[in-house]
C-alpha atoms as a PDB file:
ATOM      1  CA  MET A   1      22.584 -43.823  47.964  1.00  0.00           C
ATOM      2  CA  GLU A   2      22.970 -47.023  46.041  1.00  0.00           C
ATOM      3  CA  VAL A   3      21.796 -46.865  42.446  1.00  0.00           C
ATOM      4  CA  PHE A   4      22.021 -49.834  40.112  1.00  0.00           C
ATOM      5  CA  GLU A   5      23.184 -48.510  36.784  1.00  0.00           C
ATOM      6  CA  GLY A   6      23.543 -51.895  35.171  1.00  0.00           C
ATOM      7  CA  THR A   7      26.510 -53.362  33.347  1.00  0.00           C
ATOM      8  CA  THR A   8      25.810 -51.640  30.035  1.00  0.00           C
ATOM      9  CA  PRO A   9      26.480 -47.877  29.849  1.00  0.00           C
ATOM     10  CA  GLU A  10      23.301 -45.824  29.421  1.00  0.00           C
ATOM     11  CA  PHE A  11      24.941 -43.929  26.609  1.00  0.00           C
ATOM     12  CA  THR A  12      27.590 -45.552  24.432  1.00  0.00           C
ATOM     13  CA  ASN A  13      29.433 -42.279  23.701  1.00  0.00           C
ATOM     14  CA  TYR A  14      30.131 -41.663  27.369  1.00  0.00           C
ATOM     15  CA  ASP A  15      33.863 -41.153  28.016  1.00  0.00           C
ATOM     16  CA  GLU A  16      34.624 -43.074  31.231  1.00  0.00           C
ATOM     17  CA  ASP A  17      38.091 -41.519  31.539  1.00  0.00           C
ATOM     18  CA  THR A  18      37.102 -37.847  31.363  1.00  0.00           C
ATOM     19  CA  GLY A  19      33.435 -38.081  32.312  1.00  0.00           C
ATOM     20  CA  ARG A  20      32.538 -36.095  29.207  1.00  0.00           C
ATOM     21  CA  ILE A  21      29.611 -36.807  26.928  1.00  0.00           C
ATOM     22  CA  ASN A  22      29.602 -35.785  23.282  1.00  0.00           C
ATOM     23  CA  PHE A  23      26.697 -33.338  23.045  1.00  0.00           C
ATOM     24  CA  ARG A  24      25.921 -33.922  19.373  1.00  0.00           C
ATOM     25  CA  LYS A  25      25.947 -37.707  19.675  1.00  0.00           C
ATOM     26  CA  PHE A  26      23.922 -37.505  22.878  1.00  0.00           C
ATOM     27  CA  ARG A  27      21.169 -35.579  21.082  1.00  0.00           C
ATOM     28  CA  GLU A  28      21.209 -37.931  18.129  1.00  0.00           C
ATOM     29  CA  ASN A  29      21.030 -40.932  20.418  1.00  0.00           C
ATOM     30  CA  TYR A  30      17.942 -39.750  22.302  1.00  0.00           C
ATOM     31  CA  LYS A  31      16.382 -37.889  19.350  1.00  0.00           C
ATOM     32  CA  ILE A  32      16.176 -34.626  21.270  1.00  0.00           C
ATOM     33  CA  SER A  33      16.492 -31.057  20.000  1.00  0.00           C
ATOM     34  CA  ALA A  34      19.459 -28.900  20.937  1.00  0.00           C
ATOM     35  CA  ALA A  35      17.266 -26.393  22.811  1.00  0.00           C
ATOM     36  CA  ALA A  36      15.558 -29.108  24.863  1.00  0.00           C
ATOM     37  CA  ALA A  37      18.851 -30.841  25.657  1.00  0.00           C
ATOM     38  CA  ARG A  38      20.477 -27.573  26.739  1.00  0.00           C
ATOM     39  CA  ALA A  39      17.499 -26.778  28.967  1.00  0.00           C
ATOM     40  CA  ILE A  40      17.746 -30.138  30.739  1.00  0.00           C
ATOM     41  CA  ILE A  41      21.513 -29.876  31.113  1.00  0.00           C
ATOM     42  CA  LYS A  42      21.198 -26.404  32.634  1.00  0.00           C
ATOM     43  CA  GLU A  43      18.396 -27.551  34.942  1.00  0.00           C
ATOM     44  CA  LEU A  44      20.658 -30.342  36.251  1.00  0.00           C
ATOM     45  CA  ASP A  45      23.487 -27.850  36.881  1.00  0.00           C
ATOM     46  CA  LEU A  46      25.690 -29.478  34.257  1.00  0.00           C
ATOM     47  CA  SER A  47      27.390 -27.495  31.509  1.00  0.00           C
ATOM     48  CA  ILE A  48      28.598 -27.711  27.912  1.00  0.00           C
ATOM     49  CA  ILE A  49      32.079 -26.877  26.670  1.00  0.00           C
ATOM     50  CA  ARG A  50      33.391 -26.659  23.125  1.00  0.00           C
ATOM     51  CA  GLU A  51      36.579 -28.274  21.867  1.00  0.00           C
ATOM     52  CA  GLY A  52      37.211 -27.668  18.198  1.00  0.00           C
ATOM     53  CA  THR A  53      34.109 -28.564  16.248  1.00  0.00           C
ATOM     54  CA  GLU A  54      32.612 -30.708  19.011  1.00  0.00           C
ATOM     55  CA  GLN A  55      30.801 -29.884  22.239  1.00  0.00           C
ATOM     56  CA  TYR A  56      30.853 -31.935  25.423  1.00  0.00           C
ATOM     57  CA  ILE A  57      28.616 -32.222  28.476  1.00  0.00           C
ATOM     58  CA  ILE A  58      30.585 -31.935  31.706  1.00  0.00           C
ATOM     59  CA  GLY A  59      29.951 -31.448  35.408  1.00  0.00           C
ATOM     60  CA  GLU A  60      29.215 -33.440  38.523  1.00  0.00           C
ATOM     61  CA  ASN A  61      26.063 -34.536  40.309  1.00  0.00           C
ATOM     62  CA  ASN A  62      25.587 -35.210  44.011  1.00  0.00           C
ATOM     63  CA  TYR A  63      24.190 -38.723  43.753  1.00  0.00           C
ATOM     64  CA  ASN A  64      27.187 -40.923  42.950  1.00  0.00           C
ATOM     65  CA  VAL A  65      25.832 -41.826  39.517  1.00  0.00           C
ATOM     66  CA  SER A  66      27.339 -41.245  36.117  1.00  0.00           C
ATOM     67  CA  ASN A  67      26.188 -38.223  34.149  1.00  0.00           C
ATOM     68  CA  SER A  68      25.154 -40.696  31.492  1.00  0.00           C
ATOM     69  CA  TYR A  69      22.621 -42.244  33.871  1.00  0.00           C
ATOM     70  CA  TYR A  70      21.707 -38.842  35.326  1.00  0.00           C
ATOM     71  CA  LEU A  71      20.777 -37.444  31.908  1.00  0.00           C
ATOM     72  CA  LYS A  72      19.042 -40.611  30.796  1.00  0.00           C
ATOM     73  CA  HIS A  73      16.865 -40.472  33.906  1.00  0.00           C
ATOM     74  CA  ALA A  74      16.067 -36.782  33.285  1.00  0.00           C
ATOM     75  CA  ILE A  75      14.993 -37.446  29.688  1.00  0.00           C
ATOM     76  CA  TYR A  76      12.927 -40.441  30.767  1.00  0.00           C
ATOM     77  CA  GLU A  77      11.222 -38.340  33.460  1.00  0.00           C
ATOM     78  CA  TYR A  78      10.325 -35.336  31.313  1.00  0.00           C
ATOM     79  CA  ARG A  79       9.040 -37.503  28.475  1.00  0.00           C
ATOM     80  CA  LYS A  80       6.762 -39.182  31.000  1.00  0.00           C
ATOM     81  CA  THR A  81       5.789 -36.240  33.211  1.00  0.00           C
ATOM     82  CA  MET A  82       7.108 -33.004  31.646  1.00  0.00           C
ATOM     83  CA  TYR A  83       9.214 -32.428  34.783  1.00  0.00           C
ATOM     84  CA  VAL A  84      12.789 -33.209  35.868  1.00  0.00           C
ATOM     85  CA  ASN A  85      12.183 -32.584  39.577  1.00  0.00           C
ATOM     86  CA  ARG A  86      12.701 -36.182  40.695  1.00  0.00           C
ATOM     87  CA  THR A  87      15.985 -36.387  38.826  1.00  0.00           C
ATOM     88  CA  LYS A  88      17.226 -33.159  40.420  1.00  0.00           C
ATOM     89  CA  ALA A  89      16.253 -34.458  43.860  1.00  0.00           C
ATOM     90  CA  GLY A  90      17.985 -37.810  43.300  1.00  0.00           C
ATOM     91  CA  ASP A  91      14.668 -39.616  43.620  1.00  0.00           C
ATOM     92  CA  PHE A  92      15.352 -42.097  40.846  1.00  0.00           C
ATOM     93  CA  PHE A  93      12.932 -44.557  39.320  1.00  0.00           C
ATOM     94  CA  GLU A  94      14.632 -47.661  40.775  1.00  0.00           C
ATOM     95  CA  PHE A  95      13.025 -50.631  42.513  1.00  0.00           C
ATOM     96  CA  GLU A  96      14.250 -53.772  44.267  1.00  0.00           C
ATOM     97  CA  VAL A  97      12.107 -56.916  44.347  1.00  0.00           C
ATOM     98  CA  ASP A  98      12.859 -60.029  46.424  1.00  0.00           C
ATOM     99  CA  VAL A  99      11.927 -63.148  44.472  1.00  0.00           C
ATOM    100  CA  ASP A 100      12.564 -66.375  46.390  1.00  0.00           C
ATOM    101  CA  GLY A 101      15.506 -64.828  48.165  1.00  0.00           C
ATOM    102  CA  THR A 102      16.956 -63.312  44.996  1.00  0.00           C
ATOM    103  CA  LYS A 103      16.990 -59.550  44.767  1.00  0.00           C
ATOM    104  CA  LEU A 104      16.011 -58.241  41.364  1.00  0.00           C
ATOM    105  CA  HIS A 105      16.536 -54.597  40.435  1.00  0.00           C
ATOM    106  CA  TYR A 106      14.298 -52.699  38.040  1.00  0.00           C
ATOM    107  CA  GLY A 107      14.241 -49.102  36.915  1.00  0.00           C
ATOM    108  CA  VAL A 108      15.695 -46.600  34.506  1.00  0.00           C
ATOM    109  CA  HIS A 109      19.109 -48.262  34.750  1.00  0.00           C
ATOM    110  CA  ASN A 110      17.838 -51.245  32.770  1.00  0.00           C
ATOM    111  CA  THR A 111      15.246 -49.420  30.704  1.00  0.00           C
ATOM    112  CA  GLU A 112      16.077 -49.847  27.035  1.00  0.00           C
ATOM    113  CA  GLU A 113      17.159 -46.687  25.245  1.00  0.00           C
ATOM    114  CA  GLU A 114      14.423 -47.270  22.678  1.00  0.00           C
ATOM    115  CA  ASP A 115      11.882 -46.829  25.491  1.00  0.00           C
ATOM    116  CA  VAL A 116      13.416 -43.480  26.413  1.00  0.00           C
ATOM    117  CA  LYS A 117      13.422 -42.137  22.861  1.00  0.00           C
ATOM    118  CA  PRO A 118      10.181 -40.752  21.355  1.00  0.00           C
ATOM    119  CA  SER A 119       8.388 -43.413  19.349  1.00  0.00           C
ATOM    120  CA  SER A 120       7.551 -40.969  16.570  1.00  0.00           C
ATOM    121  CA  PRO A 121       8.205 -37.287  15.718  1.00  0.00           C
ATOM    122  CA  SER A 122       4.667 -36.366  16.716  1.00  0.00           C
ATOM    123  CA  LEU A 123       5.282 -37.615  20.259  1.00  0.00           C
ATOM    124  CA  ARG A 124       8.480 -35.666  20.817  1.00  0.00           C
ATOM    125  CA  THR A 125       7.878 -33.168  23.572  1.00  0.00           C
ATOM    126  CA  GLU A 126      10.141 -30.581  25.098  1.00  0.00           C
ATOM    127  CA  PRO A 127      10.849 -30.141  28.834  1.00  0.00           C
ATOM    128  CA  ASN A 128       8.259 -27.830  30.272  1.00  0.00           C
ATOM    129  CA  LYS A 129       7.215 -26.709  33.737  1.00  0.00           C
ATOM    130  CA  GLN A 130       3.622 -26.226  32.622  1.00  0.00           C
ATOM    131  CA  SER A 131       0.864 -28.776  32.548  1.00  0.00           C
ATOM    132  CA  PRO A 132       1.420 -31.491  29.913  1.00  0.00           C
ATOM    133  CA  ASN A 133      -2.110 -30.852  28.682  1.00  0.00           C
ATOM    134  CA  ILE A 134      -1.044 -27.514  27.327  1.00  0.00           C
ATOM    135  CA  LEU A 135       0.086 -27.631  23.723  1.00  0.00           C
ATOM    136  CA  VAL A 136       3.581 -26.185  23.326  1.00  0.00           C
ATOM    137  CA  PRO A 137       5.336 -25.621  19.996  1.00  0.00           C
ATOM    138  CA  VAL A 138       8.645 -27.360  19.284  1.00  0.00           C
ATOM    139  CA  ASP A 139      11.409 -26.042  21.562  1.00  0.00           C
ATOM    140  CA  ARG A 140       8.956 -23.665  23.275  1.00  0.00           C
ATOM    141  CA  GLY A 141       8.886 -25.888  26.339  1.00  0.00           C
ATOM    142  CA  ALA A 142      12.654 -25.701  26.648  1.00  0.00           C
ATOM    143  CA  GLN A 143      12.563 -21.907  26.457  1.00  0.00           C
ATOM    144  CA  LEU A 144       9.880 -21.731  29.125  1.00  0.00           C
ATOM    145  CA  MET A 145      11.765 -24.066  31.462  1.00  0.00           C
ATOM    146  CA  MET A 146      14.933 -21.971  31.127  1.00  0.00           C
ATOM    147  CA  ARG A 147      12.949 -18.740  31.606  1.00  0.00           C
ATOM    148  CA  GLN A 148      11.526 -19.962  34.933  1.00  0.00           C
ATOM    149  CA  LYS A 149      14.755 -18.989  36.709  1.00  0.00           C
ATOM    150  CA  SER A 150      15.747 -15.971  34.654  1.00  0.00           C
ATOM    151  CA  ALA A 151      12.653 -13.811  34.281  1.00  0.00           C
ATOM    152  CA  PRO A 152       9.515 -13.081  36.310  1.00  0.00           C
ATOM    153  CA  PRO A 153       6.130 -13.700  34.703  1.00  0.00           C
ATOM    154  CA  VAL A 154       4.875 -10.825  32.574  1.00  0.00           C
ATOM    155  CA  PRO A 155       1.289  -9.610  33.145  1.00  0.00           C
ATOM    156  CA  VAL A 156      -1.142 -10.371  30.352  1.00  0.00           C
ATOM    157  CA  GLN A 157      -1.601  -6.633  29.826  1.00  0.00           C
ATOM    158  CA  ALA A 158       2.073  -6.121  28.990  1.00  0.00           C
ATOM    159  CA  PRO A 159       2.852  -5.123  25.380  1.00  0.00           C
ATOM    160  CA  ALA A 160       4.171  -7.866  23.123  1.00  0.00           C
ATOM    161  CA  ALA A 161       7.480  -6.036  22.741  1.00  0.00           C
ATOM    162  CA  ALA A 162       8.169  -5.979  26.508  1.00  0.00           C
ATOM    163  CA  VAL A 163      11.347  -7.664  27.689  1.00  0.00           C
ATOM    164  CA  GLY A 164      10.545 -11.307  28.456  1.00  0.00           C
ATOM    165  CA  GLY A 165       7.011 -10.813  27.140  1.00  0.00           C
ATOM    166  CA  ASP A 166       5.130 -13.629  25.514  1.00  0.00           C
ATOM    167  CA  ALA A 167       3.627 -12.317  22.280  1.00  0.00           C
ATOM    168  CA  LEU A 168       1.304 -15.287  21.961  1.00  0.00           C
ATOM    169  CA  GLN A 169      -0.025 -14.780  25.492  1.00  0.00           C
ATOM    170  CA  VAL A 170      -0.657 -11.092  24.853  1.00  0.00           C
ATOM    171  CA  LEU A 171      -2.386 -11.834  21.564  1.00  0.00           C
ATOM    172  CA  VAL A 172      -4.656 -14.446  23.128  1.00  0.00           C
ATOM    173  CA  ALA A 173      -5.555 -12.044  25.941  1.00  0.00           C
ATOM    174  CA  ALA A 174      -6.367  -9.282  23.474  1.00  0.00           C
ATOM    175  CA  LEU A 175      -8.541 -11.575  21.379  1.00  0.00           C
ATOM    176  CA  THR A 176     -10.328 -12.822  24.496  1.00  0.00           C
ATOM    177  CA  GLU A 177     -11.138  -9.265  25.614  1.00  0.00           C
ATOM    178  CA  ALA A 178     -12.317  -8.363  22.115  1.00  0.00           C
ATOM    179  CA  GLN A 179     -14.538 -11.429  22.046  1.00  0.00           C
ATOM    180  CA  LYS A 180     -16.027 -10.559  25.435  1.00  0.00           C
ATOM    181  CA  ALA A 181     -16.758  -7.031  24.229  1.00  0.00           C
ATOM    182  CA  ALA A 182     -18.363  -8.359  21.062  1.00  0.00           C
ATOM    183  CA  GLN A 183     -20.514 -10.778  23.059  1.00  0.00           C
ATOM    184  CA  ALA A 184     -21.665  -8.183  25.633  1.00  0.00           C
ATOM    185  CA  PRO A 185     -25.429  -7.691  25.144  1.00  0.00           C
ATOM    186  CA  ASP A 186     -26.757  -4.244  24.254  1.00  0.00           C
ATOM    187  CA  THR A 187     -29.839  -3.926  26.450  1.00  0.00           C
ATOM    188  CA  LEU A 188     -31.180  -1.022  24.375  1.00  0.00           C
ATOM    189  CA  LEU A 189     -30.748  -2.750  21.039  1.00  0.00           C
ATOM    190  CA  PRO A 190     -34.533  -3.308  20.448  1.00  0.00           C
ATOM    191  CA  GLN A 191     -35.314   0.388  21.018  1.00  0.00           C
ATOM    192  CA  LYS A 192     -32.379   1.488  18.850  1.00  0.00           C
ATOM    193  CA  THR A 193     -33.574  -0.787  16.050  1.00  0.00           C
ATOM    194  CA  LEU A 194     -37.118   0.550  16.234  1.00  0.00           C
ATOM    195  CA  LEU A 195     -35.861   4.151  16.353  1.00  0.00           C
ATOM    196  CA  GLU A 196     -33.767   3.536  13.251  1.00  0.00           C
ATOM    197  CA  ALA A 197     -36.775   2.034  11.466  1.00  0.00           C
ATOM    198  CA  GLU A 198     -38.874   5.134  12.307  1.00  0.00           C
ATOM    199  CA  GLU A 199     -36.199   7.656  11.323  1.00  0.00           C
ATOM    200  CA  HIS A 200     -35.594   6.001   7.951  1.00  0.00           C
ATOM    201  CA  GLY A 201     -39.247   5.216   7.305  1.00  0.00           C
ATOM    202  CA  PHE A 202     -38.595   1.481   7.121  1.00  0.00           C
ATOM    203  CA  LEU A 203     -41.525  -0.899   6.868  1.00  0.00           C
ATOM    204  CA  ILE A 204     -40.654  -4.147   8.657  1.00  0.00           C
ATOM    205  CA  THR A 205     -42.125  -7.615   8.295  1.00  0.00           C
ATOM    206  CA  THR A 206     -44.076  -9.476  10.945  1.00  0.00           C
ATOM    207  CA  GLU A 207     -41.158 -11.860  11.469  1.00  0.00           C
ATOM    208  CA  GLN A 208     -38.657  -9.013  11.845  1.00  0.00           C
ATOM    209  CA  LEU A 209     -40.886  -7.207  14.336  1.00  0.00           C
ATOM    210  CA  GLY A 210     -41.279 -10.420  16.330  1.00  0.00           C
ATOM    211  CA  LYS A 211     -37.506 -10.807  16.622  1.00  0.00           C
ATOM    212  CA  VAL A 212     -37.056  -7.200  17.737  1.00  0.00           C
ATOM    213  CA  LEU A 213     -39.815  -7.411  20.367  1.00  0.00           C
ATOM    214  CA  GLY A 214     -38.979 -10.956  21.456  1.00  0.00           C
ATOM    215  CA  MET A 215     -42.333 -12.347  20.340  1.00  0.00           C
ATOM    216  CA  THR A 216     -43.308 -15.143  17.991  1.00  0.00           C
ATOM    217  CA  LYS A 217     -44.457 -14.428  14.461  1.00  0.00           C
ATOM    218  CA  GLY A 218     -47.928 -15.763  15.350  1.00  0.00           C
ATOM    219  CA  THR A 219     -48.256 -13.415  18.330  1.00  0.00           C
ATOM    220  CA  ILE A 220     -47.361 -10.390  16.205  1.00  0.00           C
ATOM    221  CA  SER A 221     -49.845 -11.486  13.492  1.00  0.00           C
ATOM    222  CA  SER A 222     -52.636 -11.562  16.055  1.00  0.00           C
ATOM    223  CA  LYS A 223     -51.968  -7.983  17.146  1.00  0.00           C
ATOM    224  CA  LYS A 224     -54.266  -5.182  15.981  1.00  0.00           C
ATOM    225  CA  SER A 225     -52.962  -2.198  14.080  1.00  0.00           C
ATOM    226  CA  GLY A 226     -51.862   0.515  16.501  1.00  0.00           C
ATOM    227  CA  PHE A 227     -50.688  -1.743  19.345  1.00  0.00           C
ATOM    228  CA  ARG A 228     -47.956  -0.272  21.484  1.00  0.00           C
ATOM    229  CA  LYS A 229     -44.744  -1.709  22.939  1.00  0.00           C
ATOM    230  CA  MET A 230     -41.480  -0.223  24.302  1.00  0.00           C
ATOM    231  CA  GLY A 231     -42.620   3.338  23.644  1.00  0.00           C
ATOM    232  CA  PHE A 232     -43.481   2.703  19.992  1.00  0.00           C
ATOM    233  CA  GLU A 233     -46.749   2.290  18.136  1.00  0.00           C
ATOM    234  CA  PHE A 234     -47.032  -0.229  15.305  1.00  0.00           C
ATOM    235  CA  GLU A 235     -49.399   0.367  12.404  1.00  0.00           C
ATOM    236  CA  LYS A 236     -50.293  -2.308   9.876  1.00  0.00           C
ATOM    237  CA  VAL A 237     -49.561  -1.490   6.244  1.00  0.00           C
ATOM    238  CA  LYS A 238     -50.720  -3.694   3.366  1.00  0.00           C
ATOM    239  CA  GLU A 239     -48.334  -4.293   0.484  1.00  0.00           C
ATOM    240  CA  GLY A 240     -50.230  -6.558  -1.833  1.00  0.00           C
ATOM    241  CA  SER A 241     -50.997  -9.691   0.129  1.00  0.00           C
ATOM    242  CA  THR A 242     -48.182  -9.003   2.606  1.00  0.00           C
ATOM    243  CA  THR A 243     -48.666  -7.251   5.940  1.00  0.00           C
ATOM    244  CA  LEU A 244     -45.878  -4.888   6.983  1.00  0.00           C
ATOM    245  CA  TRP A 245     -45.495  -2.709  10.037  1.00  0.00           C
ATOM    246  CA  LYS A 246     -44.827   1.027  10.274  1.00  0.00           C
ATOM    247  CA  VAL A 247     -43.032   2.154  13.437  1.00  0.00           C
ATOM    248  CA  LYS A 248     -43.789   5.427  15.251  1.00  0.00           C
ATOM    249  CA  ARG A 249     -42.832   6.756  18.647  1.00  0.00           C
ATOM    250  CA  TYR A 250     -45.631   7.940  20.911  1.00  0.00           C
END
């Protein structure tokens, strides 16, 4: 596979003699967090070694390209798509165009580093196997990508303290179930309300009675004293100029 990496190294701290890349300088160059960088490196089957106070990215890829280009392509891909699958498969973003007999090559090899870096802190995203529409906290995407290979998904019902469990997922599930329970209609609520009014001797207004019975205020006002509904009888009671209703089972 022929890949045009250009004449300028993708990463200026790449050591051509040893093939090592300074991990700290690599992160600083592409403005990427340590967790996200480690996740990508692991996903590409590269590794990190420590020598003194510095760490270095080492390893080999199967596509006859430098690790500098390999990593640059991976970062470019995940910042565009949230995946690194094309990089892993060696399906690089490279194109050849014939212009009047001259072959011109375009792709990640000649993409400026500034176009690979995030344009602002708010646009920095972490590598993530999930949909890019899902909001993921800083470094959470990296953790999820690394977890894909190491742990099976945990059911929503699992306790938050379970090994590999996602506390946020469990909390959201619990809140969702609680909300569903709270929203479930009580079909006997009108009768229970009327029974409570009778037992406590409450006198209720025309508007309140209309809401309980599912009728308009005008319809209730037109009713005669003693009309019956839902097993209850409603008697008009005058309180000054206001008409109230006394509830009684029959």
